[in-house]
Amino acid sequence: MNDDPMNALGLLPLAGRLAWWGTSWLRGHVGPDDLLDAVLAGDVTHVVLGPEEPSGLLSALADLRTRGATAFGASFPAEGDLVGLGGPREFNDAALDVGEAVVVLGCETGLVPARVGPTVEWTRLEARRRQVPDVGEADRDLRSALIASAQRLADLDVARWRPEIADRLMNLRHRPSLVAAPGVPTRCVDLAARALQALEIADLALEDDGSALSVHEIDQRRGALTPLARAGRRALVAACSPEGWPPE
């Protein structure tokens, strides 16, 4: 259990926090102070860079609201899987470089974050409409990928080369405790927590090659984990994309 609200907020990636809390703010569920506290989650400040002079996050979001923004949706792309992106290439490439971005629904704008010390700089770019994974389908795919990956990792004797991963696979009920913005469907909060859990398992297992004895064994391990990482990213995009949320 995470007792620190700032730490709990920080468990969700930057794009996910802005998608959840920015959408909640646009829809009148939270005020500007709650929005900033949740998105910053302990950072010193966030600034937005664009065609005009740099501005504070709240000022930039207010400007987007006047331009027709209706919601904020997140993307978590990886090489060969531009999930949650609709172009153009400049935006896709920028998002791919950092592994996340926000698409502003209603005004063809995107925001790509970059950490600069204790500050986050969001670059404002053109972003087109996109397709997002269905929440139910992403949920089923994640469950299936987790079962398949766990079995393949067991066959590869994960307990020998990364015992901490084996422990996590044995205790899947212990998930990140996320602080959700008002208005985010409960199903999406749960899906996001399970997606982050799957991505953490995949990242840990891919950090190094452990005690691999051959290129073949390394390839087997990556083959077991790549589908899990892909399913985790798609589930996180679905959970952080208001245009695809189911009704509560």
C-alpha atoms as a PDB file:
ATOM      1  CA  MET A   1       0.000   0.000   0.000  1.00  0.00           C
ATOM      2  CA  ASN A   2       1.309   3.433  -0.932  1.00  0.00           C
ATOM      3  CA  ASP A   3       0.388   5.969   1.754  1.00  0.00           C
ATOM      4  CA  ASP A   4       1.922   9.007   0.019  1.00  0.00           C
ATOM      5  CA  PRO A   5      -0.614  10.586  -2.384  1.00  0.00           C
ATOM      6  CA  MET A   6       2.136  12.188  -4.484  1.00  0.00           C
ATOM      7  CA  ASN A   7       3.916   8.857  -4.918  1.00  0.00           C
ATOM      8  CA  ALA A   8       0.636   7.164  -5.802  1.00  0.00           C
ATOM      9  CA  LEU A   9      -0.098   9.827  -8.415  1.00  0.00           C
ATOM     10  CA  GLY A  10       3.383   9.412  -9.845  1.00  0.00           C
ATOM     11  CA  LEU A  11       2.840   5.713 -10.554  1.00  0.00           C
ATOM     12  CA  LEU A  12       0.942   6.646 -13.707  1.00  0.00           C
ATOM     13  CA  PRO A  13       3.129   7.975 -16.555  1.00  0.00           C
ATOM     14  CA  LEU A  14       3.003  11.697 -17.361  1.00  0.00           C
ATOM     15  CA  ALA A  15       0.721  11.281 -20.362  1.00  0.00           C
ATOM     16  CA  GLY A  16      -1.684   9.149 -18.357  1.00  0.00           C
ATOM     17  CA  ARG A  17      -1.892  11.687 -15.531  1.00  0.00           C
ATOM     18  CA  LEU A  18      -2.633  14.516 -17.946  1.00  0.00           C
ATOM     19  CA  ALA A  19      -5.189  12.392 -19.800  1.00  0.00           C
ATOM     20  CA  TRP A  20      -7.085  11.485 -16.632  1.00  0.00           C
ATOM     21  CA  TRP A  21      -6.899  14.745 -14.709  1.00  0.00           C
ATOM     22  CA  GLY A  22      -6.981  17.066 -17.713  1.00  0.00           C
ATOM     23  CA  THR A  23     -10.156  15.407 -18.962  1.00  0.00           C
ATOM     24  CA  SER A  24     -11.679  15.569 -15.505  1.00  0.00           C
ATOM     25  CA  TRP A  25     -10.884  19.292 -15.366  1.00  0.00           C
ATOM     26  CA  LEU A  26     -12.357  19.936 -18.826  1.00  0.00           C
ATOM     27  CA  ARG A  27     -15.545  18.185 -17.752  1.00  0.00           C
ATOM     28  CA  GLY A  28     -15.856  20.240 -14.570  1.00  0.00           C
ATOM     29  CA  HIS A  29     -15.130  17.446 -12.080  1.00  0.00           C
ATOM     30  CA  VAL A  30     -11.997  19.031 -10.552  1.00  0.00           C
ATOM     31  CA  GLY A  31     -10.603  22.533 -10.157  1.00  0.00           C
ATOM     32  CA  PRO A  32      -7.302  23.904 -11.458  1.00  0.00           C
ATOM     33  CA  ASP A  33      -5.416  23.322  -8.197  1.00  0.00           C
ATOM     34  CA  ASP A  34      -6.369  19.641  -8.128  1.00  0.00           C
ATOM     35  CA  LEU A  35      -5.406  19.361 -11.789  1.00  0.00           C
ATOM     36  CA  LEU A  36      -1.943  20.830 -11.233  1.00  0.00           C
ATOM     37  CA  ASP A  37      -1.283  18.830  -8.066  1.00  0.00           C
ATOM     38  CA  ALA A  38      -2.155  15.586  -9.821  1.00  0.00           C
ATOM     39  CA  VAL A  39      -0.244  16.194 -13.044  1.00  0.00           C
ATOM     40  CA  LEU A  40       2.885  17.605 -11.392  1.00  0.00           C
ATOM     41  CA  ALA A  41       2.850  14.883  -8.682  1.00  0.00           C
ATOM     42  CA  GLY A  42       5.891  16.397  -6.971  1.00  0.00           C
ATOM     43  CA  ASP A  43       7.633  17.918 -10.013  1.00  0.00           C
ATOM     44  CA  VAL A  44       8.782  21.521  -9.618  1.00  0.00           C
ATOM     45  CA  THR A  45       6.914  22.806 -12.658  1.00  0.00           C
ATOM     46  CA  HIS A  46       5.599  21.912 -16.115  1.00  0.00           C
ATOM     47  CA  VAL A  47       5.890  24.262 -19.083  1.00  0.00           C
ATOM     48  CA  VAL A  48       4.453  24.029 -22.595  1.00  0.00           C
ATOM     49  CA  LEU A  49       6.551  24.904 -25.646  1.00  0.00           C
ATOM     50  CA  GLY A  50       4.878  25.774 -28.917  1.00  0.00           C
ATOM     51  CA  PRO A  51       4.605  28.332 -31.704  1.00  0.00           C
ATOM     52  CA  GLU A  52       4.144  31.092 -29.139  1.00  0.00           C
ATOM     53  CA  GLU A  53       6.194  31.904 -26.042  1.00  0.00           C
ATOM     54  CA  PRO A  54       6.529  29.117 -23.433  1.00  0.00           C
ATOM     55  CA  SER A  55       3.647  29.082 -20.984  1.00  0.00           C
ATOM     56  CA  GLY A  56       2.673  27.394 -17.766  1.00  0.00           C
ATOM     57  CA  LEU A  57       0.722  24.158 -17.977  1.00  0.00           C
ATOM     58  CA  LEU A  58      -2.568  25.578 -16.742  1.00  0.00           C
ATOM     59  CA  SER A  59      -2.436  28.544 -19.123  1.00  0.00           C
ATOM     60  CA  ALA A  60      -1.689  26.243 -22.041  1.00  0.00           C
ATOM     61  CA  LEU A  61      -4.539  23.874 -21.142  1.00  0.00           C
ATOM     62  CA  ALA A  62      -6.929  26.816 -20.775  1.00  0.00           C
ATOM     63  CA  ASP A  63      -5.911  27.974 -24.250  1.00  0.00           C
ATOM     64  CA  LEU A  64      -6.601  24.509 -25.637  1.00  0.00           C
ATOM     65  CA  ARG A  65     -10.007  24.573 -24.001  1.00  0.00           C
ATOM     66  CA  THR A  66     -10.866  27.823 -25.776  1.00  0.00           C
ATOM     67  CA  ARG A  67      -9.720  26.221 -29.034  1.00  0.00           C
ATOM     68  CA  GLY A  68     -12.241  23.412 -28.627  1.00  0.00           C
ATOM     69  CA  ALA A  69     -10.497  20.735 -26.564  1.00  0.00           C
ATOM     70  CA  THR A  70     -13.001  18.181 -25.266  1.00  0.00           C
ATOM     71  CA  ALA A  71     -10.691  15.612 -23.637  1.00  0.00           C
ATOM     72  CA  PHE A  72      -7.088  14.440 -23.395  1.00  0.00           C
ATOM     73  CA  GLY A  73      -6.036  10.958 -24.456  1.00  0.00           C
ATOM     74  CA  ALA A  74      -2.708   9.217 -23.910  1.00  0.00           C
ATOM     75  CA  SER A  75      -0.474   7.192 -26.186  1.00  0.00           C
ATOM     76  CA  PHE A  76       2.373   4.874 -25.213  1.00  0.00           C
ATOM     77  CA  PRO A  77       4.041   3.857 -28.485  1.00  0.00           C
ATOM     78  CA  ALA A  78       7.049   1.646 -29.077  1.00  0.00           C
ATOM     79  CA  GLU A  79       9.082   0.771 -32.137  1.00  0.00           C
ATOM     80  CA  GLY A  80       6.787  -1.074 -34.540  1.00  0.00           C
ATOM     81  CA  ASP A  81       3.673  -0.315 -32.471  1.00  0.00           C
ATOM     82  CA  LEU A  82       2.390   3.269 -32.740  1.00  0.00           C
ATOM     83  CA  VAL A  83      -0.644   2.504 -30.600  1.00  0.00           C
ATOM     84  CA  GLY A  84      -2.762   5.575 -29.882  1.00  0.00           C
ATOM     85  CA  LEU A  85      -1.141   7.759 -32.547  1.00  0.00           C
ATOM     86  CA  GLY A  86      -2.697   9.090 -35.744  1.00  0.00           C
ATOM     87  CA  GLY A  87       0.093  11.239 -37.174  1.00  0.00           C
ATOM     88  CA  PRO A  88       1.533  13.322 -38.611  1.00  0.00           C
ATOM     89  CA  ARG A  89       5.040  11.895 -38.714  1.00  0.00           C
ATOM     90  CA  GLU A  90       6.636  14.709 -36.681  1.00  0.00           C
ATOM     91  CA  PHE A  91       4.288  14.029 -33.788  1.00  0.00           C
ATOM     92  CA  ASN A  92       4.615  10.247 -34.060  1.00  0.00           C
ATOM     93  CA  ASP A  93       8.424  10.457 -34.093  1.00  0.00           C
ATOM     94  CA  ALA A  94       8.509  12.796 -31.087  1.00  0.00           C
ATOM     95  CA  ALA A  95       6.148  10.521 -29.150  1.00  0.00           C
ATOM     96  CA  LEU A  96       8.144   7.439 -30.072  1.00  0.00           C
ATOM     97  CA  ASP A  97      11.377   9.043 -28.862  1.00  0.00           C
ATOM     98  CA  VAL A  98      10.046   9.344 -25.299  1.00  0.00           C
ATOM     99  CA  GLY A  99       7.485   6.520 -25.336  1.00  0.00           C
ATOM    100  CA  GLU A 100       4.440   8.639 -24.523  1.00  0.00           C
ATOM    101  CA  ALA A 101       2.332  11.578 -25.641  1.00  0.00           C
ATOM    102  CA  VAL A 102      -1.061  13.222 -25.209  1.00  0.00           C
ATOM    103  CA  VAL A 103      -3.545  13.766 -28.007  1.00  0.00           C
ATOM    104  CA  VAL A 104      -5.880  16.711 -27.387  1.00  0.00           C
ATOM    105  CA  LEU A 105      -9.291  15.684 -28.659  1.00  0.00           C
ATOM    106  CA  GLY A 106     -11.278  18.332 -30.469  1.00  0.00           C
ATOM    107  CA  CYS A 107      -8.483  20.573 -31.732  1.00  0.00           C
ATOM    108  CA  GLU A 108      -5.895  18.402 -33.560  1.00  0.00           C
ATOM    109  CA  THR A 109      -3.113  19.137 -31.105  1.00  0.00           C
ATOM    110  CA  GLY A 110      -0.628  16.893 -29.357  1.00  0.00           C
ATOM    111  CA  LEU A 111       1.679  17.305 -26.352  1.00  0.00           C
ATOM    112  CA  VAL A 112       4.931  15.382 -25.925  1.00  0.00           C
ATOM    113  CA  PRO A 113       6.677  15.467 -22.517  1.00  0.00           C
ATOM    114  CA  ALA A 114      10.392  15.583 -21.780  1.00  0.00           C
ATOM    115  CA  ARG A 115      12.058  15.738 -18.370  1.00  0.00           C
ATOM    116  CA  VAL A 116      14.657  18.466 -17.903  1.00  0.00           C
ATOM    117  CA  GLY A 117      15.918  18.078 -14.353  1.00  0.00           C
ATOM    118  CA  PRO A 118      12.993  18.676 -11.967  1.00  0.00           C
ATOM    119  CA  THR A 119      10.963  20.311 -14.764  1.00  0.00           C
ATOM    120  CA  VAL A 120       8.808  18.759 -17.474  1.00  0.00           C
ATOM    121  CA  GLU A 121       8.628  20.449 -20.860  1.00  0.00           C
ATOM    122  CA  TRP A 122       5.635  19.613 -23.037  1.00  0.00           C
ATOM    123  CA  THR A 123       6.145  20.298 -26.757  1.00  0.00           C
ATOM    124  CA  ARG A 124       2.966  21.271 -28.580  1.00  0.00           C
ATOM    125  CA  LEU A 125       2.615  19.781 -32.085  1.00  0.00           C
ATOM    126  CA  GLU A 126      -0.067  19.053 -34.636  1.00  0.00           C
ATOM    127  CA  ALA A 127      -1.765  15.704 -33.967  1.00  0.00           C
ATOM    128  CA  ARG A 128      -4.479  14.043 -35.992  1.00  0.00           C
ATOM    129  CA  ARG A 129      -7.410  11.907 -34.910  1.00  0.00           C
ATOM    130  CA  ARG A 130      -6.475   8.391 -33.941  1.00  0.00           C
ATOM    131  CA  GLN A 131      -7.951   4.982 -33.329  1.00  0.00           C
ATOM    132  CA  VAL A 132      -7.651   3.560 -29.835  1.00  0.00           C
ATOM    133  CA  PRO A 133      -7.954  -0.011 -28.550  1.00  0.00           C
ATOM    134  CA  ASP A 134     -11.341  -1.091 -27.248  1.00  0.00           C
ATOM    135  CA  VAL A 135     -11.299  -1.323 -23.445  1.00  0.00           C
ATOM    136  CA  GLY A 136     -12.887  -4.771 -23.335  1.00  0.00           C
ATOM    137  CA  GLU A 137     -10.644  -6.169 -26.053  1.00  0.00           C
ATOM    138  CA  ALA A 138      -7.531  -4.677 -24.451  1.00  0.00           C
ATOM    139  CA  ASP A 139      -8.556  -6.197 -21.121  1.00  0.00           C
ATOM    140  CA  ARG A 140      -8.969  -9.676 -22.626  1.00  0.00           C
ATOM    141  CA  ASP A 141      -5.719  -9.429 -24.574  1.00  0.00           C
ATOM    142  CA  LEU A 142      -3.810  -8.401 -21.449  1.00  0.00           C
ATOM    143  CA  ARG A 143      -5.176 -11.299 -19.405  1.00  0.00           C
ATOM    144  CA  SER A 144      -4.343 -13.728 -22.189  1.00  0.00           C
ATOM    145  CA  ALA A 145      -0.822 -12.329 -22.686  1.00  0.00           C
ATOM    146  CA  LEU A 146      -0.099 -12.473 -18.966  1.00  0.00           C
ATOM    147  CA  ILE A 147      -1.130 -16.132 -18.725  1.00  0.00           C
ATOM    148  CA  ALA A 148       0.851 -17.077 -21.845  1.00  0.00           C
ATOM    149  CA  SER A 149       3.959 -15.138 -20.774  1.00  0.00           C
ATOM    150  CA  ALA A 150       3.860 -16.573 -17.260  1.00  0.00           C
ATOM    151  CA  GLN A 151       3.740 -20.095 -18.666  1.00  0.00           C
ATOM    152  CA  ARG A 152       6.585 -19.480 -21.097  1.00  0.00           C
ATOM    153  CA  LEU A 153       8.699 -17.857 -18.389  1.00  0.00           C
ATOM    154  CA  ALA A 154       8.040 -20.835 -16.100  1.00  0.00           C
ATOM    155  CA  ASP A 155       9.177 -23.154 -18.887  1.00  0.00           C
ATOM    156  CA  LEU A 156      12.344 -21.056 -19.164  1.00  0.00           C
ATOM    157  CA  ASP A 157      12.913 -21.354 -15.389  1.00  0.00           C
ATOM    158  CA  VAL A 158      12.451 -17.664 -14.584  1.00  0.00           C
ATOM    159  CA  ALA A 159      12.794 -18.448 -10.866  1.00  0.00           C
ATOM    160  CA  ARG A 160      16.438 -19.355 -11.459  1.00  0.00           C
ATOM    161  CA  TRP A 161      17.581 -16.293 -13.401  1.00  0.00           C
ATOM    162  CA  ARG A 162      15.228 -13.604 -12.036  1.00  0.00           C
ATOM    163  CA  PRO A 163      13.564 -14.814  -8.796  1.00  0.00           C
ATOM    164  CA  GLU A 164      11.962 -11.395  -8.174  1.00  0.00           C
ATOM    165  CA  ILE A 165       9.992 -11.751 -11.431  1.00  0.00           C
ATOM    166  CA  ALA A 166       8.792 -15.188 -10.402  1.00  0.00           C
ATOM    167  CA  ASP A 167       7.625 -13.670  -7.109  1.00  0.00           C
ATOM    168  CA  ARG A 168       5.633 -10.994  -8.948  1.00  0.00           C
ATOM    169  CA  LEU A 169       4.020 -13.564 -11.213  1.00  0.00           C
ATOM    170  CA  MET A 170       2.979 -15.536  -8.137  1.00  0.00           C
ATOM    171  CA  ASN A 171       1.422 -12.436  -6.559  1.00  0.00           C
ATOM    172  CA  LEU A 172      -0.491 -10.730  -9.375  1.00  0.00           C
ATOM    173  CA  ARG A 173      -3.143  -9.513  -6.949  1.00  0.00           C
ATOM    174  CA  HIS A 174      -0.619  -7.006  -5.594  1.00  0.00           C
ATOM    175  CA  ARG A 175      -1.104  -4.180  -8.110  1.00  0.00           C
ATOM    176  CA  PRO A 176      -0.169  -0.492  -8.150  1.00  0.00           C
ATOM    177  CA  SER A 177      -2.615   1.616  -6.126  1.00  0.00           C
ATOM    178  CA  LEU A 178      -3.523   4.395  -8.531  1.00  0.00           C
ATOM    179  CA  VAL A 179      -5.184   7.693  -7.636  1.00  0.00           C
ATOM    180  CA  ALA A 180      -7.869   8.165 -10.289  1.00  0.00           C
ATOM    181  CA  ALA A 181      -9.429  11.440 -11.337  1.00  0.00           C
ATOM    182  CA  PRO A 182     -13.184  11.841 -10.838  1.00  0.00           C
ATOM    183  CA  GLY A 183     -15.006  10.574 -13.894  1.00  0.00           C
ATOM    184  CA  VAL A 184     -12.504   7.884 -14.893  1.00  0.00           C
ATOM    185  CA  PRO A 185     -14.436   4.584 -15.126  1.00  0.00           C
ATOM    186  CA  THR A 186     -13.548   2.094 -12.400  1.00  0.00           C
ATOM    187  CA  ARG A 187     -12.908  -0.535 -15.047  1.00  0.00           C
ATOM    188  CA  CYS A 188     -10.264   1.710 -16.637  1.00  0.00           C
ATOM    189  CA  VAL A 189      -8.549   2.361 -13.311  1.00  0.00           C
ATOM    190  CA  ASP A 190      -8.245  -1.389 -12.736  1.00  0.00           C
ATOM    191  CA  LEU A 191      -7.069  -1.941 -16.324  1.00  0.00           C
ATOM    192  CA  ALA A 192      -4.394   0.741 -15.974  1.00  0.00           C
ATOM    193  CA  ALA A 193      -3.108  -0.842 -12.758  1.00  0.00           C
ATOM    194  CA  ARG A 194      -2.842  -4.265 -14.385  1.00  0.00           C
ATOM    195  CA  ALA A 195      -1.207  -2.763 -17.473  1.00  0.00           C
ATOM    196  CA  LEU A 196       1.464  -1.066 -15.350  1.00  0.00           C
ATOM    197  CA  GLN A 197       2.020  -4.337 -13.506  1.00  0.00           C
ATOM    198  CA  ALA A 198       2.546  -6.211 -16.784  1.00  0.00           C
ATOM    199  CA  LEU A 199       4.887  -3.546 -18.143  1.00  0.00           C
ATOM    200  CA  GLU A 200       6.941  -3.601 -14.950  1.00  0.00           C
ATOM    201  CA  ILE A 201       7.337  -7.386 -15.186  1.00  0.00           C
ATOM    202  CA  ALA A 202       8.368  -7.137 -18.846  1.00  0.00           C
ATOM    203  CA  ASP A 203      10.814  -4.292 -18.168  1.00  0.00           C
ATOM    204  CA  LEU A 204      12.443  -6.138 -15.275  1.00  0.00           C
ATOM    205  CA  ALA A 205      12.884  -9.291 -17.310  1.00  0.00           C
ATOM    206  CA  LEU A 206      14.331  -7.402 -20.279  1.00  0.00           C
ATOM    207  CA  GLU A 207      16.806  -5.319 -18.253  1.00  0.00           C
ATOM    208  CA  ASP A 208      19.608  -7.790 -18.955  1.00  0.00           C
ATOM    209  CA  ASP A 209      20.118 -11.304 -20.176  1.00  0.00           C
ATOM    210  CA  GLY A 210      20.545 -12.755 -16.717  1.00  0.00           C
ATOM    211  CA  SER A 211      22.150 -16.178 -16.875  1.00  0.00           C
ATOM    212  CA  ALA A 212      21.367 -16.798 -20.525  1.00  0.00           C
ATOM    213  CA  LEU A 213      23.803 -19.265 -22.053  1.00  0.00           C
ATOM    214  CA  SER A 214      23.049 -18.729 -25.702  1.00  0.00           C
ATOM    215  CA  VAL A 215      21.519 -16.331 -28.212  1.00  0.00           C
ATOM    216  CA  HIS A 216      18.709 -18.857 -28.624  1.00  0.00           C
ATOM    217  CA  GLU A 217      17.829 -18.662 -24.933  1.00  0.00           C
ATOM    218  CA  ILE A 218      17.917 -14.851 -25.012  1.00  0.00           C
ATOM    219  CA  ASP A 219      15.571 -14.885 -28.004  1.00  0.00           C
ATOM    220  CA  GLN A 220      13.226 -17.244 -26.166  1.00  0.00           C
ATOM    221  CA  ARG A 221      13.014 -14.888 -23.212  1.00  0.00           C
ATOM    222  CA  ARG A 222      12.332 -11.896 -25.437  1.00  0.00           C
ATOM    223  CA  GLY A 223       9.728 -13.905 -27.318  1.00  0.00           C
ATOM    224  CA  ALA A 224       7.951 -14.578 -24.035  1.00  0.00           C
ATOM    225  CA  LEU A 225       7.965 -10.934 -22.976  1.00  0.00           C
ATOM    226  CA  THR A 226       7.406  -8.887 -26.133  1.00  0.00           C
ATOM    227  CA  PRO A 227       3.703  -9.856 -26.418  1.00  0.00           C
ATOM    228  CA  LEU A 228       3.208  -8.989 -22.737  1.00  0.00           C
ATOM    229  CA  ALA A 229       4.766  -5.532 -23.162  1.00  0.00           C
ATOM    230  CA  ARG A 230       2.658  -4.889 -26.256  1.00  0.00           C
ATOM    231  CA  ALA A 231      -0.547  -5.945 -24.485  1.00  0.00           C
ATOM    232  CA  GLY A 232       0.398  -3.795 -21.494  1.00  0.00           C
ATOM    233  CA  ARG A 233       0.924  -0.691 -23.637  1.00  0.00           C
ATOM    234  CA  ARG A 234      -2.335  -1.202 -25.511  1.00  0.00           C
ATOM    235  CA  ALA A 235      -4.234  -1.708 -22.259  1.00  0.00           C
ATOM    236  CA  LEU A 236      -2.741   1.467 -20.797  1.00  0.00           C
ATOM    237  CA  VAL A 237      -3.713   3.442 -23.914  1.00  0.00           C
ATOM    238  CA  ALA A 238      -7.274   2.103 -23.700  1.00  0.00           C
ATOM    239  CA  ALA A 239      -7.482   2.989 -20.000  1.00  0.00           C
ATOM    240  CA  CYS A 240      -6.229   6.535 -20.683  1.00  0.00           C
ATOM    241  CA  SER A 241      -8.307   7.328 -23.805  1.00  0.00           C
ATOM    242  CA  PRO A 242     -11.612   9.018 -22.888  1.00  0.00           C
ATOM    243  CA  GLU A 243     -13.030   8.645 -26.402  1.00  0.00           C
ATOM    244  CA  GLY A 244     -13.177   4.888 -25.825  1.00  0.00           C
ATOM    245  CA  TRP A 245     -14.291   4.785 -22.193  1.00  0.00           C
ATOM    246  CA  PRO A 246     -17.347   2.678 -21.384  1.00  0.00           C
ATOM    247  CA  PRO A 247     -20.205   4.321 -19.479  1.00  0.00           C
ATOM    248  CA  GLU A 248     -20.063   3.867 -15.720  1.00  0.00           C
END
